[in-house]
PDB file of N, CA and C in Angstrom:
ATOM      1  N   UNK A   1       7.036 -16.192  -3.690  1.00  0.00           N
ATOM      2  CA  UNK A   1       6.189 -15.867  -2.898  1.00  0.00           C
ATOM      3  C   UNK A   1       6.705 -16.672  -1.970  1.00  0.00           C
ATOM      4  N   UNK A   2       6.487 -15.629  -0.599  1.00  0.00           N
ATOM      5  CA  UNK A   2       7.436 -16.217   0.464  1.00  0.00           C
ATOM      6  C   UNK A   2       6.123 -17.139   0.940  1.00  0.00           C
ATOM      7  N   UNK A   3       6.278 -17.823   2.000  1.00  0.00           N
ATOM      8  CA  UNK A   3       5.207 -18.767   3.199  1.00  0.00           C
ATOM      9  C   UNK A   3       5.167 -18.177   4.011  1.00  0.00           C
ATOM     10  N   UNK A   4       3.603 -17.697   4.014  1.00  0.00           N
ATOM     11  CA  UNK A   4       2.967 -16.798   4.756  1.00  0.00           C
ATOM     12  C   UNK A   4       2.629 -17.059   6.417  1.00  0.00           C
ATOM     13  N   UNK A   5       3.086 -18.364   6.248  1.00  0.00           N
ATOM     14  CA  UNK A   5       2.742 -19.268   7.583  1.00  0.00           C
ATOM     15  C   UNK A   5       3.740 -18.668   8.682  1.00  0.00           C
ATOM     16  N   UNK A   6       5.281 -18.682   7.415  1.00  0.00           N
ATOM     17  CA  UNK A   6       6.170 -18.313   9.303  1.00  0.00           C
ATOM     18  C   UNK A   6       6.696 -17.170   8.659  1.00  0.00           C
ATOM     19  N   UNK A   7       6.260 -16.187   7.807  1.00  0.00           N
ATOM     20  CA  UNK A   7       6.405 -15.125   8.313  1.00  0.00           C
ATOM     21  C   UNK A   7       7.422 -14.380   7.686  1.00  0.00           C
ATOM     22  N   UNK A   8       8.316 -15.029   7.017  1.00  0.00           N
ATOM     23  CA  UNK A   8       9.665 -14.391   6.788  1.00  0.00           C
ATOM     24  C   UNK A   8       9.906 -14.426   5.166  1.00  0.00           C
ATOM     25  N   UNK A   9      10.790 -14.455   4.217  1.00  0.00           N
ATOM     26  CA  UNK A   9      11.098 -14.627   2.498  1.00  0.00           C
ATOM     27  C   UNK A   9      12.365 -14.919   2.586  1.00  0.00           C
ATOM     28  N   UNK A  10      13.138 -14.487   1.375  1.00  0.00           N
ATOM     29  CA  UNK A  10      14.307 -14.892   1.264  1.00  0.00           C
ATOM     30  C   UNK A  10      15.378 -13.706   1.595  1.00  0.00           C
ATOM     31  N   UNK A  11      14.675 -12.319   1.562  1.00  0.00           N
ATOM     32  CA  UNK A  11      15.436 -11.531   2.057  1.00  0.00           C
ATOM     33  C   UNK A  11      14.883 -10.922   3.428  1.00  0.00           C
ATOM     34  N   UNK A  12      14.551 -11.821   4.527  1.00  0.00           N
ATOM     35  CA  UNK A  12      14.631 -12.074   5.675  1.00  0.00           C
ATOM     36  C   UNK A  12      12.835 -11.150   5.934  1.00  0.00           C
ATOM     37  N   UNK A  13      12.417 -10.189   6.462  1.00  0.00           N
ATOM     38  CA  UNK A  13      10.753  -9.623   6.951  1.00  0.00           C
ATOM     39  C   UNK A  13      10.495  -9.070   6.222  1.00  0.00           C
ATOM     40  N   UNK A  14      11.059  -8.877   4.714  1.00  0.00           N
ATOM     41  CA  UNK A  14      10.610  -7.575   3.692  1.00  0.00           C
ATOM     42  C   UNK A  14       9.505  -8.444   2.991  1.00  0.00           C
ATOM     43  N   UNK A  15       8.471  -7.783   2.978  1.00  0.00           N
ATOM     44  CA  UNK A  15       7.618  -7.870   2.244  1.00  0.00           C
ATOM     45  C   UNK A  15       6.998  -6.734   1.112  1.00  0.00           C
ATOM     46  N   UNK A  16       5.792  -7.432  -0.148  1.00  0.00           N
ATOM     47  CA  UNK A  16       5.457  -6.233  -0.852  1.00  0.00           C
ATOM     48  C   UNK A  16       3.874  -6.874  -0.924  1.00  0.00           C
ATOM     49  N   UNK A  17       2.878  -5.556  -1.219  1.00  0.00           N
ATOM     50  CA  UNK A  17       1.812  -6.014  -1.078  1.00  0.00           C
ATOM     51  C   UNK A  17       1.226  -5.004  -2.298  1.00  0.00           C
ATOM     52  N   UNK A  18       0.806  -5.245  -3.096  1.00  0.00           N
ATOM     53  CA  UNK A  18      -0.177  -4.397  -4.704  1.00  0.00           C
ATOM     54  C   UNK A  18      -1.698  -4.174  -4.140  1.00  0.00           C
ATOM     55  N   UNK A  19      -1.744  -3.073  -4.259  1.00  0.00           N
ATOM     56  CA  UNK A  19      -3.316  -2.791  -3.750  1.00  0.00           C
ATOM     57  C   UNK A  19      -3.756  -2.093  -4.507  1.00  0.00           C
ATOM     58  N   UNK A  20      -5.396  -2.505  -4.663  1.00  0.00           N
ATOM     59  CA  UNK A  20      -6.118  -1.753  -5.351  1.00  0.00           C
ATOM     60  C   UNK A  20      -7.440  -0.991  -4.566  1.00  0.00           C
ATOM     61  N   UNK A  21      -7.669  -0.123  -4.563  1.00  0.00           N
ATOM     62  CA  UNK A  21      -8.438   0.469  -3.584  1.00  0.00           C
ATOM     63  C   UNK A  21      -9.881   1.022  -4.368  1.00  0.00           C
ATOM     64  N   UNK A  22     -11.194   0.912  -4.294  1.00  0.00           N
ATOM     65  CA  UNK A  22     -11.983   1.405  -4.725  1.00  0.00           C
ATOM     66  C   UNK A  22     -13.080   2.177  -4.039  1.00  0.00           C
ATOM     67  N   UNK A  23     -13.887   3.214  -4.344  1.00  0.00           N
ATOM     68  CA  UNK A  23     -14.600   3.539  -3.655  1.00  0.00           C
ATOM     69  C   UNK A  23     -14.348   5.262  -3.788  1.00  0.00           C
ATOM     70  N   UNK A  24     -14.657   6.224  -2.707  1.00  0.00           N
ATOM     71  CA  UNK A  24     -14.688   7.484  -3.303  1.00  0.00           C
ATOM     72  C   UNK A  24     -13.414   8.037  -2.681  1.00  0.00           C
ATOM     73  N   UNK A  25     -12.146   7.560  -3.827  1.00  0.00           N
ATOM     74  CA  UNK A  25     -10.807   7.538  -3.281  1.00  0.00           C
ATOM     75  C   UNK A  25      -9.840   8.425  -4.173  1.00  0.00           C
ATOM     76  N   UNK A  26     -10.416   9.211  -5.162  1.00  0.00           N
ATOM     77  CA  UNK A  26     -10.016  10.322  -6.160  1.00  0.00           C
ATOM     78  C   UNK A  26     -10.535  11.639  -5.444  1.00  0.00           C
ATOM     79  N   UNK A  27      -9.525  12.409  -5.198  1.00  0.00           N
ATOM     80  CA  UNK A  27     -10.133  14.145  -5.249  1.00  0.00           C
ATOM     81  C   UNK A  27     -10.334  14.317  -3.755  1.00  0.00           C
ATOM     82  N   UNK A  28      -9.654  13.242  -2.916  1.00  0.00           N
ATOM     83  CA  UNK A  28      -9.844  13.639  -1.445  1.00  0.00           C
ATOM     84  C   UNK A  28      -8.540  13.325  -0.973  1.00  0.00           C
ATOM     85  N   UNK A  29      -7.490  13.725  -1.424  1.00  0.00           N
ATOM     86  CA  UNK A  29      -6.371  13.538  -0.783  1.00  0.00           C
ATOM     87  C   UNK A  29      -5.680  12.276  -0.237  1.00  0.00           C
ATOM     88  N   UNK A  30      -6.423  11.272  -0.909  1.00  0.00           N
ATOM     89  CA  UNK A  30      -5.988  10.009  -0.546  1.00  0.00           C
ATOM     90  C   UNK A  30      -4.710   9.803  -0.524  1.00  0.00           C
ATOM     91  N   UNK A  31      -4.093   9.881  -2.162  1.00  0.00           N
ATOM     92  CA  UNK A  31      -2.781   9.532  -2.109  1.00  0.00           C
ATOM     93  C   UNK A  31      -1.569  10.355  -1.391  1.00  0.00           C
ATOM     94  N   UNK A  32      -1.928  11.715  -1.569  1.00  0.00           N
ATOM     95  CA  UNK A  32      -0.721  12.494  -0.471  1.00  0.00           C
ATOM     96  C   UNK A  32      -0.938  11.157   1.477  1.00  0.00           C
ATOM     97  N   UNK A  33      -2.184  11.305   1.344  1.00  0.00           N
ATOM     98  CA  UNK A  33      -2.607  10.641   2.702  1.00  0.00           C
ATOM     99  C   UNK A  33      -1.595   9.407   3.151  1.00  0.00           C
ATOM    100  N   UNK A  34      -2.010   8.574   1.899  1.00  0.00           N
ATOM    101  CA  UNK A  34      -1.311   7.367   1.727  1.00  0.00           C
ATOM    102  C   UNK A  34       0.382   7.580   1.727  1.00  0.00           C
ATOM    103  N   UNK A  35       0.779   8.434   0.994  1.00  0.00           N
ATOM    104  CA  UNK A  35       2.401   8.511   0.945  1.00  0.00           C
ATOM    105  C   UNK A  35       2.910   8.897   2.291  1.00  0.00           C
ATOM    106  N   UNK A  36       2.057  10.120   3.318  1.00  0.00           N
ATOM    107  CA  UNK A  36       2.350  10.511   4.554  1.00  0.00           C
ATOM    108  C   UNK A  36       2.493   9.134   5.555  1.00  0.00           C
ATOM    109  N   UNK A  37       1.574   8.289   5.418  1.00  0.00           N
ATOM    110  CA  UNK A  37       1.500   7.062   6.853  1.00  0.00           C
ATOM    111  C   UNK A  37       2.563   6.010   6.126  1.00  0.00           C
ATOM    112  N   UNK A  38       2.669   5.728   4.973  1.00  0.00           N
ATOM    113  CA  UNK A  38       3.515   5.282   4.272  1.00  0.00           C
ATOM    114  C   UNK A  38       5.438   5.767   4.467  1.00  0.00           C
ATOM    115  N   UNK A  39       5.392   6.811   4.919  1.00  0.00           N
ATOM    116  CA  UNK A  39       6.675   7.464   5.052  1.00  0.00           C
ATOM    117  C   UNK A  39       6.499   7.172   6.605  1.00  0.00           C
ATOM    118  N   UNK A  40       5.098   7.774   7.489  1.00  0.00           N
ATOM    119  CA  UNK A  40       5.572   7.400   9.295  1.00  0.00           C
ATOM    120  C   UNK A  40       6.112   5.867   9.365  1.00  0.00           C
ATOM    121  N   UNK A  41       5.816   5.437   8.515  1.00  0.00           N
ATOM    122  CA  UNK A  41       6.146   3.639   9.024  1.00  0.00           C
ATOM    123  C   UNK A  41       7.565   3.176   8.353  1.00  0.00           C
ATOM    124  N   UNK A  42       8.109   4.136   7.568  1.00  0.00           N
ATOM    125  CA  UNK A  42       8.940   3.497   6.789  1.00  0.00           C
ATOM    126  C   UNK A  42       8.578   2.480   5.822  1.00  0.00           C
ATOM    127  N   UNK A  43       7.769   2.605   5.431  1.00  0.00           N
ATOM    128  CA  UNK A  43       7.149   1.500   4.144  1.00  0.00           C
ATOM    129  C   UNK A  43       7.695   2.588   3.132  1.00  0.00           C
ATOM    130  N   UNK A  44       8.259   1.459   2.051  1.00  0.00           N
ATOM    131  CA  UNK A  44       8.406   1.572   0.470  1.00  0.00           C
ATOM    132  C   UNK A  44       7.251   1.402  -0.640  1.00  0.00           C
ATOM    133  N   UNK A  45       7.556   1.928  -1.913  1.00  0.00           N
ATOM    134  CA  UNK A  45       6.602   2.411  -2.647  1.00  0.00           C
ATOM    135  C   UNK A  45       6.219   2.705  -3.538  1.00  0.00           C
ATOM    136  N   UNK A  46       4.823   3.161  -3.831  1.00  0.00           N
ATOM    137  CA  UNK A  46       4.263   3.877  -4.752  1.00  0.00           C
ATOM    138  C   UNK A  46       2.782   4.343  -4.486  1.00  0.00           C
ATOM    139  N   UNK A  47       1.944   5.219  -4.822  1.00  0.00           N
ATOM    140  CA  UNK A  47       0.465   5.318  -4.953  1.00  0.00           C
ATOM    141  C   UNK A  47       0.568   5.928  -6.204  1.00  0.00           C
ATOM    142  N   UNK A  48      -0.674   5.700  -6.967  1.00  0.00           N
ATOM    143  CA  UNK A  48      -1.164   6.285  -7.967  1.00  0.00           C
ATOM    144  C   UNK A  48      -3.035   6.287  -8.481  1.00  0.00           C
ATOM    145  N   UNK A  49      -3.398   7.442  -9.148  1.00  0.00           N
ATOM    146  CA  UNK A  49      -4.826   7.002  -9.309  1.00  0.00           C
ATOM    147  C   UNK A  49      -5.080   6.239 -10.640  1.00  0.00           C
ATOM    148  N   UNK A  50      -5.878   5.543 -11.306  1.00  0.00           N
ATOM    149  CA  UNK A  50      -6.106   5.059 -12.158  1.00  0.00           C
ATOM    150  C   UNK A  50      -7.391   5.484 -13.025  1.00  0.00           C
ATOM    151  N   UNK A  51      -7.579   5.372 -13.806  1.00  0.00           N
ATOM    152  CA  UNK A  51      -8.289   5.599 -15.307  1.00  0.00           C
ATOM    153  C   UNK A  51      -9.839   5.331 -14.700  1.00  0.00           C
ATOM    154  N   UNK A  52      -9.839   4.163 -13.861  1.00  0.00           N
ATOM    155  CA  UNK A  52     -11.233   3.476 -13.626  1.00  0.00           C
ATOM    156  C   UNK A  52     -12.032   4.240 -12.270  1.00  0.00           C
ATOM    157  N   UNK A  53     -10.977   4.995 -11.508  1.00  0.00           N
ATOM    158  CA  UNK A  53     -11.639   5.873 -10.442  1.00  0.00           C
ATOM    159  C   UNK A  53     -10.928   5.014  -9.272  1.00  0.00           C
ATOM    160  N   UNK A  54     -10.623   4.184  -9.309  1.00  0.00           N
ATOM    161  CA  UNK A  54      -9.392   3.170  -8.204  1.00  0.00           C
ATOM    162  C   UNK A  54      -8.023   3.808  -7.841  1.00  0.00           C
ATOM    163  N   UNK A  55      -7.473   3.616  -6.728  1.00  0.00           N
ATOM    164  CA  UNK A  55      -6.105   4.084  -6.442  1.00  0.00           C
ATOM    165  C   UNK A  55      -5.312   2.910  -6.156  1.00  0.00           C
ATOM    166  N   UNK A  56      -4.120   2.641  -6.824  1.00  0.00           N
ATOM    167  CA  UNK A  56      -3.342   1.810  -6.674  1.00  0.00           C
ATOM    168  C   UNK A  56      -2.127   1.962  -6.316  1.00  0.00           C
ATOM    169  N   UNK A  57      -1.823   0.886  -5.088  1.00  0.00           N
ATOM    170  CA  UNK A  57      -0.134   1.279  -4.691  1.00  0.00           C
ATOM    171  C   UNK A  57       0.153   0.107  -4.667  1.00  0.00           C
ATOM    172  N   UNK A  58       1.639   0.217  -4.167  1.00  0.00           N
ATOM    173  CA  UNK A  58       2.731  -0.768  -4.342  1.00  0.00           C
ATOM    174  C   UNK A  58       3.344  -0.763  -2.632  1.00  0.00           C
ATOM    175  N   UNK A  59       3.366  -1.497  -1.577  1.00  0.00           N
ATOM    176  CA  UNK A  59       3.956  -1.536  -0.477  1.00  0.00           C
ATOM    177  C   UNK A  59       5.496  -2.157   0.031  1.00  0.00           C
ATOM    178  N   UNK A  60       6.434  -1.893   0.217  1.00  0.00           N
ATOM    179  CA  UNK A  60       7.389  -2.928   0.526  1.00  0.00           C
ATOM    180  C   UNK A  60       8.281  -2.529   2.144  1.00  0.00           C
ATOM    181  N   UNK A  61       8.149  -3.302   2.917  1.00  0.00           N
ATOM    182  CA  UNK A  61       8.549  -3.090   4.273  1.00  0.00           C
ATOM    183  C   UNK A  61       8.625  -3.882   4.797  1.00  0.00           C
ATOM    184  N   UNK A  62       8.741  -4.052   6.152  1.00  0.00           N
ATOM    185  CA  UNK A  62       8.358  -5.271   7.225  1.00  0.00           C
ATOM    186  C   UNK A  62       7.023  -5.876   7.040  1.00  0.00           C
ATOM    187  N   UNK A  63       6.878  -7.028   7.251  1.00  0.00           N
ATOM    188  CA  UNK A  63       5.738  -7.559   6.959  1.00  0.00           C
ATOM    189  C   UNK A  63       4.827  -6.620   7.899  1.00  0.00           C
ATOM    190  N   UNK A  64       4.779  -6.592   9.350  1.00  0.00           N
ATOM    191  CA  UNK A  64       4.041  -5.840  10.515  1.00  0.00           C
ATOM    192  C   UNK A  64       3.403  -4.209   9.721  1.00  0.00           C
ATOM    193  N   UNK A  65       4.539  -3.774   8.849  1.00  0.00           N
ATOM    194  CA  UNK A  65       4.164  -2.503   8.595  1.00  0.00           C
ATOM    195  C   UNK A  65       3.655  -2.411   7.243  1.00  0.00           C
ATOM    196  N   UNK A  66       4.142  -3.173   6.407  1.00  0.00           N
ATOM    197  CA  UNK A  66       3.146  -3.172   5.081  1.00  0.00           C
ATOM    198  C   UNK A  66       1.704  -4.002   5.569  1.00  0.00           C
ATOM    199  N   UNK A  67       1.130  -4.993   6.031  1.00  0.00           N
ATOM    200  CA  UNK A  67      -0.098  -4.960   6.357  1.00  0.00           C
ATOM    201  C   UNK A  67      -0.736  -4.288   7.348  1.00  0.00           C
ATOM    202  N   UNK A  68       0.036  -2.991   8.662  1.00  0.00           N
ATOM    203  CA  UNK A  68      -0.601  -1.970   8.593  1.00  0.00           C
ATOM    204  C   UNK A  68      -1.022  -0.807   7.718  1.00  0.00           C
ATOM    205  N   UNK A  69      -0.459  -0.866   6.380  1.00  0.00           N
ATOM    206  CA  UNK A  69      -0.537   0.077   5.305  1.00  0.00           C
ATOM    207  C   UNK A  69      -1.856  -0.528   4.805  1.00  0.00           C
ATOM    208  N   UNK A  70      -2.027  -1.668   4.122  1.00  0.00           N
ATOM    209  CA  UNK A  70      -2.899  -2.476   3.814  1.00  0.00           C
ATOM    210  C   UNK A  70      -4.155  -1.953   4.711  1.00  0.00           C
ATOM    211  N   UNK A  71      -4.007  -2.489   5.701  1.00  0.00           N
ATOM    212  CA  UNK A  71      -5.410  -2.478   6.567  1.00  0.00           C
ATOM    213  C   UNK A  71      -5.699  -0.320   6.626  1.00  0.00           C
ATOM    214  N   UNK A  72      -4.878   0.486   6.575  1.00  0.00           N
ATOM    215  CA  UNK A  72      -4.724   1.547   6.397  1.00  0.00           C
ATOM    216  C   UNK A  72      -5.483   2.097   5.444  1.00  0.00           C
ATOM    217  N   UNK A  73      -5.417   1.462   4.395  1.00  0.00           N
ATOM    218  CA  UNK A  73      -6.410   1.646   2.883  1.00  0.00           C
ATOM    219  C   UNK A  73      -7.795   1.137   3.099  1.00  0.00           C
ATOM    220  N   UNK A  74      -7.958   0.421   3.953  1.00  0.00           N
ATOM    221  CA  UNK A  74      -9.376   0.529   4.349  1.00  0.00           C
ATOM    222  C   UNK A  74     -10.096   1.871   4.678  1.00  0.00           C
ATOM    223  N   UNK A  75      -9.683   3.095   5.298  1.00  0.00           N
ATOM    224  CA  UNK A  75     -10.191   3.917   5.821  1.00  0.00           C
ATOM    225  C   UNK A  75      -9.970   5.114   5.097  1.00  0.00           C
ATOM    226  N   UNK A  76      -8.067   5.197   5.217  1.00  0.00           N
ATOM    227  CA  UNK A  76      -7.588   6.252   4.147  1.00  0.00           C
ATOM    228  C   UNK A  76      -7.750   7.266   4.671  1.00  0.00           C
ATOM    229  N   UNK A  77      -7.509   8.297   3.744  1.00  0.00           N
ATOM    230  CA  UNK A  77      -7.795   9.984   4.169  1.00  0.00           C
ATOM    231  C   UNK A  77      -9.600  10.179   5.152  1.00  0.00           C
ATOM    232  N   UNK A  78      -9.399  11.402   5.091  1.00  0.00           N
ATOM    233  CA  UNK A  78     -10.658  11.841   6.075  1.00  0.00           C
ATOM    234  C   UNK A  78     -11.804  11.793   5.049  1.00  0.00           C
ATOM    235  N   UNK A  79     -11.601  12.244   4.028  1.00  0.00           N
ATOM    236  CA  UNK A  79     -12.855  12.343   3.004  1.00  0.00           C
ATOM    237  C   UNK A  79     -13.290  11.429   2.645  1.00  0.00           C
ATOM    238  N   UNK A  80     -12.096  10.091   2.187  1.00  0.00           N
ATOM    239  CA  UNK A  80     -12.765   9.159   1.553  1.00  0.00           C
ATOM    240  C   UNK A  80     -13.954   8.110   1.663  1.00  0.00           C
ATOM    241  N   UNK A  81     -14.262   7.593   1.166  1.00  0.00           N
ATOM    242  CA  UNK A  81     -15.425   6.557   0.938  1.00  0.00           C
ATOM    243  C   UNK A  81     -14.914   5.110   0.179  1.00  0.00           C
ATOM    244  N   UNK A  82     -14.058   4.581   1.300  1.00  0.00           N
ATOM    245  CA  UNK A  82     -13.621   3.245   0.492  1.00  0.00           C
ATOM    246  C   UNK A  82     -14.616   1.740   0.803  1.00  0.00           C
ATOM    247  N   UNK A  83     -14.346   1.309  -0.747  1.00  0.00           N
ATOM    248  CA  UNK A  83     -15.836   0.423  -0.890  1.00  0.00           C
ATOM    249  C   UNK A  83     -14.843  -0.907  -0.473  1.00  0.00           C
ATOM    250  N   UNK A  84     -13.715  -1.052  -1.183  1.00  0.00           N
ATOM    251  CA  UNK A  84     -13.447  -2.354  -0.963  1.00  0.00           C
ATOM    252  C   UNK A  84     -11.599  -2.145  -1.304  1.00  0.00           C
ATOM    253  N   UNK A  85     -10.947  -2.993  -1.085  1.00  0.00           N
ATOM    254  CA  UNK A  85      -9.720  -2.930  -0.738  1.00  0.00           C
ATOM    255  C   UNK A  85      -8.676  -4.373  -1.217  1.00  0.00           C
ATOM    256  N   UNK A  86      -8.426  -4.865  -2.601  1.00  0.00           N
ATOM    257  CA  UNK A  86      -7.973  -5.898  -2.981  1.00  0.00           C
ATOM    258  C   UNK A  86      -6.325  -5.793  -2.745  1.00  0.00           C
ATOM    259  N   UNK A  87      -5.812  -6.998  -1.728  1.00  0.00           N
ATOM    260  CA  UNK A  87      -3.989  -6.982  -1.689  1.00  0.00           C
ATOM    261  C   UNK A  87      -3.476  -8.171  -2.249  1.00  0.00           C
ATOM    262  N   UNK A  88      -2.347  -8.124  -3.025  1.00  0.00           N
ATOM    263  CA  UNK A  88      -1.807  -9.215  -3.604  1.00  0.00           C
ATOM    264  C   UNK A  88      -0.372  -8.779  -2.835  1.00  0.00           C
ATOM    265  N   UNK A  89       0.010 -10.450  -2.199  1.00  0.00           N
ATOM    266  CA  UNK A  89       1.047 -10.029  -1.236  1.00  0.00           C
ATOM    267  C   UNK A  89       2.514 -11.064  -2.326  1.00  0.00           C
ATOM    268  N   UNK A  90       3.951 -10.807  -1.747  1.00  0.00           N
ATOM    269  CA  UNK A  90       4.690 -11.303  -3.053  1.00  0.00           C
ATOM    270  C   UNK A  90       6.166 -10.537  -2.369  1.00  0.00           C
ATOM    271  N   UNK A  91       7.213 -11.234  -3.298  1.00  0.00           N
ATOM    272  CA  UNK A  91       8.233 -10.566  -2.504  1.00  0.00           C
ATOM    273  C   UNK A  91       8.847  -9.783  -3.418  1.00  0.00           C
ATOM    274  N   UNK A  92       9.414  -8.748  -2.200  1.00  0.00           N
ATOM    275  CA  UNK A  92       9.725  -7.456  -2.437  1.00  0.00           C
ATOM    276  C   UNK A  92      11.037  -7.018  -3.757  1.00  0.00           C
ATOM    277  N   UNK A  93      10.518  -6.056  -4.762  1.00  0.00           N
ATOM    278  CA  UNK A  93      11.426  -5.744  -5.659  1.00  0.00           C
ATOM    279  C   UNK A  93      12.337  -4.551  -5.513  1.00  0.00           C
ATOM    280  N   UNK A  94      12.379  -4.172  -4.230  1.00  0.00           N
ATOM    281  CA  UNK A  94      13.530  -3.291  -4.037  1.00  0.00           C
ATOM    282  C   UNK A  94      13.367  -1.828  -3.986  1.00  0.00           C
ATOM    283  N   UNK A  95      11.959  -1.425  -3.840  1.00  0.00           N
ATOM    284  CA  UNK A  95      11.443  -0.090  -3.593  1.00  0.00           C
ATOM    285  C   UNK A  95      12.058   0.766  -3.028  1.00  0.00           C
ATOM    286  N   UNK A  96      12.431   1.998  -3.074  1.00  0.00           N
ATOM    287  CA  UNK A  96      13.236   2.701  -2.130  1.00  0.00           C
ATOM    288  C   UNK A  96      12.404   4.069  -2.023  1.00  0.00           C
ATOM    289  N   UNK A  97      12.236   4.279  -1.116  1.00  0.00           N
ATOM    290  CA  UNK A  97      11.550   5.700  -0.846  1.00  0.00           C
ATOM    291  C   UNK A  97      10.167   5.502  -1.074  1.00  0.00           C
ATOM    292  N   UNK A  98       9.318   6.451  -0.634  1.00  0.00           N
ATOM    293  CA  UNK A  98       7.770   6.418  -1.095  1.00  0.00           C
ATOM    294  C   UNK A  98       7.291   7.654  -1.860  1.00  0.00           C
ATOM    295  N   UNK A  99       6.874   7.594  -3.267  1.00  0.00           N
ATOM    296  CA  UNK A  99       6.076   8.726  -4.301  1.00  0.00           C
ATOM    297  C   UNK A  99       4.978   8.298  -4.591  1.00  0.00           C
ATOM    298  N   UNK A 100       4.458   9.830  -5.048  1.00  0.00           N
ATOM    299  CA  UNK A 100       2.986  10.020  -5.385  1.00  0.00           C
ATOM    300  C   UNK A 100       3.353   9.826  -6.829  1.00  0.00           C
ATOM    301  N   UNK A 101       2.876   9.069  -7.729  1.00  0.00           N
ATOM    302  CA  UNK A 101       2.765   8.949  -9.320  1.00  0.00           C
ATOM    303  C   UNK A 101       1.658   9.237  -9.846  1.00  0.00           C
ATOM    304  N   UNK A 102       2.082  10.005 -11.226  1.00  0.00           N
ATOM    305  CA  UNK A 102       0.820  10.699 -11.855  1.00  0.00           C
ATOM    306  C   UNK A 102       0.322   9.674 -12.834  1.00  0.00           C
TER     307      UNK A 102
END
């Protein structure tokens, strides 16, 4: 994992966040809105629904853009009611593009 104090890692300023979002986040266009927001910021990764009602996402990109996406998840789509966002940061794994997984 990178040193969070200097804002850099082995690949430059690229970081990865693995995020779990809970609340009313399924059936409210949360995944599609996440995809659109990530693509607007040039963030790579994926988003999917989990069987337990949460949404899981991975974001890779510049530290600022990834942190912006994690912050975006705290509100999400217009119809969502987000209760909690749990994000773990790490080294990027080479995600390319941003997709909704089934």
